[in-house]
Amino acid sequence: MKNIPLIAFLVLLTSSAFSQHIRKVKITEVEEYIKNSDHPLVVNCWATWCAPCIEEIPYFMQTVKKYSDQKVELLLVSLDFTSSYPTKIQELVKRKNFEATFFWLNETNADYFCPKIDPKWDGTLPSTLFVNNNTGYRQFFGRPMTDRQVELEVKKLVGERK
């Protein structure tokens, strides 16, 4: 009987440790996050309804984990509809065991927010920005990426030779 509060606490702690918080942001907050990053950053724009997006996220997670000693961070920016925030996004993240920093972009005008990520971005999903403010490296891809492409790009991001 004495152990019930302890067990309840441990269950609560375990469930909260595995839940991912999805922060509601404006594009200016994403810009600031990128600008103020002091480590290599992979910014992937995706949505729950985008099959190529869901397919490539594990490639990013695996590669970022491989370069964790170089503090590479994966930022997943959801462009889901308002009706999907936060429940539908949270459910997919949990079901797929996605691990990253999560933002939900609370914007509807792609003509406004796309160029703030990259001038070449036309709103296509998935799209990914690789940026390292310490080295000046910045590369944008407005298309899905393969596991090999992600690996190659993260190597460049951290300054490794091929």
Protein backbone atom coordinates (compact mmCIF):
# COMPACT_ATOMS: atom_id res chain seq x y z
CA MET A 1 0.00 0.00 0.00
CA LYS A 2 2.87 2.35 0.79
CA ASN A 3 4.27 1.81 -2.69
CA ILE A 4 1.19 3.01 -4.61
CA PRO A 5 2.14 6.72 -4.51
CA LEU A 6 5.69 5.84 -5.54
CA ILE A 7 4.48 3.69 -8.44
CA ALA A 8 2.04 6.39 -9.57
CA PHE A 9 4.84 8.97 -9.48
CA LEU A 10 7.17 6.74 -11.52
CA VAL A 11 4.46 6.05 -14.12
CA LEU A 12 3.77 9.78 -14.43
CA LEU A 13 7.49 10.57 -14.66
CA THR A 14 8.05 7.90 -17.31
CA SER A 15 5.12 9.00 -19.45
CA SER A 16 6.12 12.66 -19.31
CA ALA A 17 9.75 11.82 -20.10
CA PHE A 18 8.67 10.23 -23.38
CA SER A 19 6.22 12.91 -24.46
CA GLN A 20 7.44 15.52 -26.87
CA HIS A 21 6.32 19.13 -26.44
CA ILE A 22 5.26 20.88 -29.63
CA ARG A 23 5.78 24.61 -29.31
CA LYS A 24 3.39 26.94 -31.16
CA VAL A 25 5.48 29.61 -32.94
CA LYS A 26 5.39 32.42 -35.48
CA ILE A 27 7.94 32.56 -38.29
CA THR A 28 9.85 35.34 -36.51
CA GLU A 29 10.48 32.92 -33.62
CA VAL A 30 11.80 30.29 -36.04
CA GLU A 31 14.07 32.91 -37.61
CA GLU A 32 15.41 33.89 -34.18
CA TYR A 33 15.94 30.25 -33.19
CA ILE A 34 17.99 29.66 -36.35
CA LYS A 35 19.88 32.96 -36.04
CA ASN A 36 20.79 32.35 -32.38
CA SER A 37 21.81 28.70 -32.75
CA ASP A 38 25.38 28.13 -31.59
CA HIS A 39 25.51 24.58 -32.95
CA PRO A 40 24.76 22.78 -36.25
CA LEU A 41 21.03 22.81 -36.93
CA VAL A 42 18.85 20.76 -39.29
CA VAL A 43 15.49 22.47 -39.80
CA ASN A 44 12.98 20.19 -41.46
CA CYS A 45 9.57 21.54 -42.51
CA TRP A 46 6.98 18.78 -42.61
CA ALA A 47 3.31 17.89 -42.00
CA THR A 48 1.43 14.84 -40.70
CA TRP A 49 -0.40 14.49 -44.04
CA CYS A 50 2.85 14.47 -46.08
CA ALA A 51 3.97 10.87 -46.73
CA PRO A 52 7.47 11.79 -48.00
CA CYS A 53 7.92 13.92 -44.87
CA ILE A 54 7.09 11.03 -42.55
CA GLU A 55 9.34 8.72 -44.56
CA GLU A 56 12.44 10.92 -44.29
CA ILE A 57 12.23 11.99 -40.63
CA PRO A 58 13.85 8.74 -39.40
CA TYR A 59 16.83 9.45 -41.71
CA PHE A 60 17.31 12.81 -40.00
CA MET A 61 16.92 11.30 -36.52
CA GLN A 62 19.45 8.52 -37.19
CA THR A 63 22.01 10.89 -38.70
CA VAL A 64 21.63 13.55 -36.01
CA LYS A 65 22.05 10.84 -33.36
CA LYS A 66 25.22 9.68 -35.12
CA TYR A 67 26.62 13.23 -34.85
CA SER A 68 25.37 13.93 -31.33
CA ASP A 69 28.96 14.46 -30.14
CA GLN A 70 29.02 17.51 -32.43
CA LYS A 71 25.73 18.77 -30.95
CA VAL A 72 23.76 18.60 -34.21
CA GLU A 73 20.11 19.45 -33.47
CA LEU A 74 17.05 18.39 -35.42
CA LEU A 75 14.25 20.97 -35.45
CA LEU A 76 11.01 19.66 -36.92
CA VAL A 77 8.70 22.51 -37.93
CA SER A 78 5.18 21.28 -38.57
CA LEU A 79 3.12 23.10 -41.17
CA ASP A 80 -0.02 21.23 -40.24
CA PHE A 81 -3.44 22.84 -40.28
CA THR A 82 -4.73 24.55 -37.14
CA SER A 83 -7.14 21.66 -36.54
CA SER A 84 -4.17 19.28 -36.13
CA TYR A 85 -2.43 21.28 -33.41
CA PRO A 86 -1.53 19.86 -30.99
CA THR A 87 -3.42 16.55 -30.80
CA LYS A 88 -2.94 15.03 -34.25
CA ILE A 89 0.70 16.12 -34.44
CA GLN A 90 1.39 14.82 -30.93
CA GLU A 91 -0.26 11.47 -31.71
CA LEU A 92 1.86 10.94 -34.83
CA VAL A 93 5.07 12.00 -33.07
CA LYS A 94 4.35 9.52 -30.28
CA ARG A 95 3.29 6.68 -32.61
CA LYS A 96 6.38 7.09 -34.80
CA ASN A 97 8.72 7.71 -31.82
CA PHE A 98 10.02 10.91 -33.38
CA GLU A 99 12.69 12.64 -31.32
CA ALA A 100 13.61 16.24 -32.04
CA THR A 101 12.80 19.79 -31.07
CA PHE A 102 9.24 20.37 -32.28
CA PHE A 103 7.61 23.59 -33.46
CA TRP A 104 4.20 24.08 -35.01
CA LEU A 105 4.21 27.09 -37.33
CA ASN A 106 1.16 29.21 -36.55
CA GLU A 107 1.14 30.99 -39.93
CA THR A 108 -1.06 30.73 -43.02
CA ASN A 109 0.61 33.06 -45.54
CA ALA A 110 3.28 31.01 -47.30
CA ASP A 111 4.30 34.04 -49.37
CA TYR A 112 5.31 35.64 -46.08
CA PHE A 113 6.92 32.77 -44.15
CA CYS A 114 8.63 30.71 -46.89
CA PRO A 115 11.26 33.31 -47.88
CA LYS A 116 12.11 33.79 -44.21
CA ILE A 117 13.37 30.19 -44.12
CA ASP A 118 15.02 30.45 -47.55
CA PRO A 119 14.44 32.76 -50.54
CA LYS A 120 14.21 29.73 -52.86
CA TRP A 121 11.49 27.99 -50.83
CA ASP A 122 8.19 27.78 -52.70
CA GLY A 123 6.32 25.98 -49.91
CA THR A 124 7.04 22.44 -51.10
CA LEU A 125 7.07 19.80 -48.37
CA PRO A 126 9.26 18.35 -47.16
CA SER A 127 11.90 21.05 -47.19
CA THR A 128 15.08 21.19 -45.15
CA LEU A 129 17.56 23.85 -44.15
CA PHE A 130 21.02 22.88 -42.88
CA VAL A 131 22.69 25.74 -41.05
CA ASN A 132 25.83 26.14 -38.97
CA ASN A 133 26.25 29.74 -37.82
CA ASN A 134 29.76 29.01 -36.51
CA THR A 135 31.07 28.10 -39.96
CA GLY A 136 28.66 30.07 -42.15
CA TYR A 137 27.36 26.87 -43.75
CA ARG A 138 23.80 27.15 -45.07
CA GLN A 139 22.15 24.80 -47.57
CA PHE A 140 18.46 24.47 -48.45
CA PHE A 141 16.65 21.54 -50.09
CA GLY A 142 13.06 21.99 -51.27
CA ARG A 143 12.46 18.30 -51.84
CA PRO A 144 12.53 14.93 -50.06
CA MET A 145 15.95 13.53 -49.20
CA THR A 146 17.33 9.99 -49.05
CA ASP A 147 19.26 8.62 -46.08
CA ARG A 148 22.52 8.99 -48.04
CA GLN A 149 21.78 12.60 -48.96
CA VAL A 150 21.01 13.43 -45.33
CA GLU A 151 24.25 11.80 -44.18
CA LEU A 152 26.31 13.66 -46.79
CA GLU A 153 24.72 16.99 -45.92
CA VAL A 154 25.22 16.58 -42.17
CA LYS A 155 28.88 15.75 -42.82
CA LYS A 156 29.19 19.06 -44.66
CA LEU A 157 27.23 20.79 -41.90
CA VAL A 158 29.73 19.72 -39.26
CA GLY A 159 32.73 20.34 -41.50
CA GLU A 160 33.76 16.74 -42.24
CA ARG A 161 35.32 15.83 -45.56
CA LYS A 162 33.57 13.29 -47.79
